[in-house]
């Protein structure tokens, strides 16, 4: 740790630091649910003059969510990404996406 110029003789030994840049993030405990217990909804956004279809919230482990994204992208023939608890797909693919997710037993609002 680099020395802070404004410590003025304070003693920061027992896990105390004067550096406010080292912030610890509290871990979120994510509730996991089965596909039938999900209540997904769709959103549509315009980004750089292109449409993005968003589906959320998913209550799955990150690894399962990544495999779900990969299979959906392959079945839809489109690009997509994972952002926290949502999946984002390129283009307006709501109808096709809803059919694919119903086959996998996901529920919607």
Protein backbone atom coordinates (compact mmCIF):
# COMPACT_ATOMS: atom_id res chain seq x y z
CA UNK A 1 0.00 0.00 0.00
CA UNK A 2 1.37 3.41 -0.87
CA UNK A 3 1.73 5.85 1.95
CA UNK A 4 -0.99 8.44 2.31
CA UNK A 5 0.29 11.99 2.75
CA UNK A 6 -2.60 13.01 5.03
CA UNK A 7 -2.33 10.40 7.78
CA UNK A 8 -0.90 12.84 10.35
CA UNK A 9 0.59 10.20 12.63
CA UNK A 10 -2.45 7.89 12.86
CA UNK A 11 -1.75 4.19 13.39
CA UNK A 12 -3.67 1.98 10.97
CA UNK A 13 -2.57 -1.49 11.97
CA UNK A 14 -5.45 -3.84 12.80
CA UNK A 15 -7.10 -4.09 9.34
CA UNK A 16 -7.65 -0.34 9.20
CA UNK A 17 -6.48 1.61 6.19
CA UNK A 18 -6.59 5.23 5.22
CA UNK A 19 -6.99 4.42 1.54
CA UNK A 20 -10.62 4.82 0.50
CA UNK A 21 -9.99 3.30 -2.94
CA UNK A 22 -9.98 -0.23 -1.56
CA UNK A 23 -13.68 -0.95 -1.25
CA UNK A 24 -15.00 -4.39 -0.60
CA UNK A 25 -18.21 -5.28 -2.36
CA UNK A 26 -20.79 -7.20 -0.35
CA UNK A 27 -21.59 -10.54 -1.91
CA UNK A 28 -25.13 -10.96 -3.11
CA UNK A 29 -26.78 -14.25 -2.36
CA UNK A 30 -28.71 -15.12 -5.45
CA UNK A 31 -31.90 -17.11 -5.10
CA UNK A 32 -31.91 -20.04 -7.53
CA UNK A 33 -35.17 -21.18 -9.11
CA UNK A 34 -36.31 -23.89 -11.49
CA UNK A 35 -37.37 -22.83 -15.01
CA UNK A 36 -41.10 -23.26 -14.22
CA UNK A 37 -40.81 -20.82 -11.29
CA UNK A 38 -39.38 -17.98 -13.40
CA UNK A 39 -41.58 -15.01 -14.34
CA UNK A 40 -39.68 -13.54 -17.27
CA UNK A 41 -40.56 -10.40 -19.17
CA UNK A 42 -39.27 -8.79 -22.33
CA UNK A 43 -37.92 -5.31 -22.95
CA UNK A 44 -36.84 -3.65 -26.17
CA UNK A 45 -34.21 -0.92 -26.46
CA UNK A 46 -32.64 1.05 -29.26
CA UNK A 47 -28.85 1.19 -29.09
CA UNK A 48 -26.89 2.94 -31.81
CA UNK A 49 -29.95 2.81 -34.10
CA UNK A 50 -30.27 -0.98 -33.63
CA UNK A 51 -32.84 -2.93 -31.66
CA UNK A 52 -31.88 -5.04 -28.65
CA UNK A 53 -34.28 -7.55 -27.08
CA UNK A 54 -33.81 -8.08 -23.34
CA UNK A 55 -35.20 -10.96 -21.27
CA UNK A 56 -35.02 -10.87 -17.48
CA UNK A 57 -34.83 -11.75 -14.54
CA UNK A 58 -33.20 -15.16 -14.53
CA UNK A 59 -32.54 -16.93 -11.23
CA UNK A 60 -29.85 -19.34 -12.38
CA UNK A 61 -26.20 -19.98 -11.68
CA UNK A 62 -23.90 -18.04 -13.98
CA UNK A 63 -22.65 -21.20 -15.70
CA UNK A 64 -26.19 -22.45 -16.44
CA UNK A 65 -27.15 -19.00 -17.68
CA UNK A 66 -24.18 -18.96 -20.06
CA UNK A 67 -25.12 -22.36 -21.51
CA UNK A 68 -28.73 -21.20 -21.90
CA UNK A 69 -27.52 -18.10 -23.74
CA UNK A 70 -25.33 -20.19 -26.01
CA UNK A 71 -28.16 -22.56 -27.01
CA UNK A 72 -30.62 -19.70 -27.56
CA UNK A 73 -28.15 -17.79 -29.74
CA UNK A 74 -27.56 -20.93 -31.80
CA UNK A 75 -31.28 -21.66 -32.21
CA UNK A 76 -32.14 -18.05 -33.08
CA UNK A 77 -29.13 -17.42 -35.30
CA UNK A 78 -28.37 -14.10 -33.64
CA UNK A 79 -25.81 -12.56 -31.32
CA UNK A 80 -26.35 -11.92 -27.66
CA UNK A 81 -24.75 -11.29 -24.30
CA UNK A 82 -25.20 -11.92 -20.61
CA UNK A 83 -25.61 -8.93 -18.27
CA UNK A 84 -26.09 -9.75 -14.56
CA UNK A 85 -29.47 -11.52 -14.45
CA UNK A 86 -30.62 -10.72 -17.99
CA UNK A 87 -29.97 -11.92 -21.51
CA UNK A 88 -29.65 -9.42 -24.36
CA UNK A 89 -30.13 -10.40 -28.00
CA UNK A 90 -29.41 -8.48 -31.18
CA UNK A 91 -32.49 -7.58 -33.16
CA UNK A 92 -36.19 -7.85 -32.54
CA UNK A 93 -36.54 -11.57 -31.76
CA UNK A 94 -39.25 -11.57 -29.07
CA UNK A 95 -41.60 -14.09 -30.72
CA UNK A 96 -38.90 -16.62 -31.64
CA UNK A 97 -37.28 -16.22 -28.22
CA UNK A 98 -40.57 -16.78 -26.43
CA UNK A 99 -41.14 -20.02 -28.39
CA UNK A 100 -37.64 -21.28 -27.56
CA UNK A 101 -37.99 -20.44 -23.86
CA UNK A 102 -41.45 -22.11 -23.66
CA UNK A 103 -39.86 -25.31 -25.02
CA UNK A 104 -37.45 -25.13 -22.07
CA UNK A 105 -40.38 -24.69 -19.59
CA UNK A 106 -39.81 -21.03 -18.68
CA UNK A 107 -42.84 -18.99 -17.58
CA UNK A 108 -43.67 -15.38 -18.47
CA UNK A 109 -45.56 -12.51 -16.87
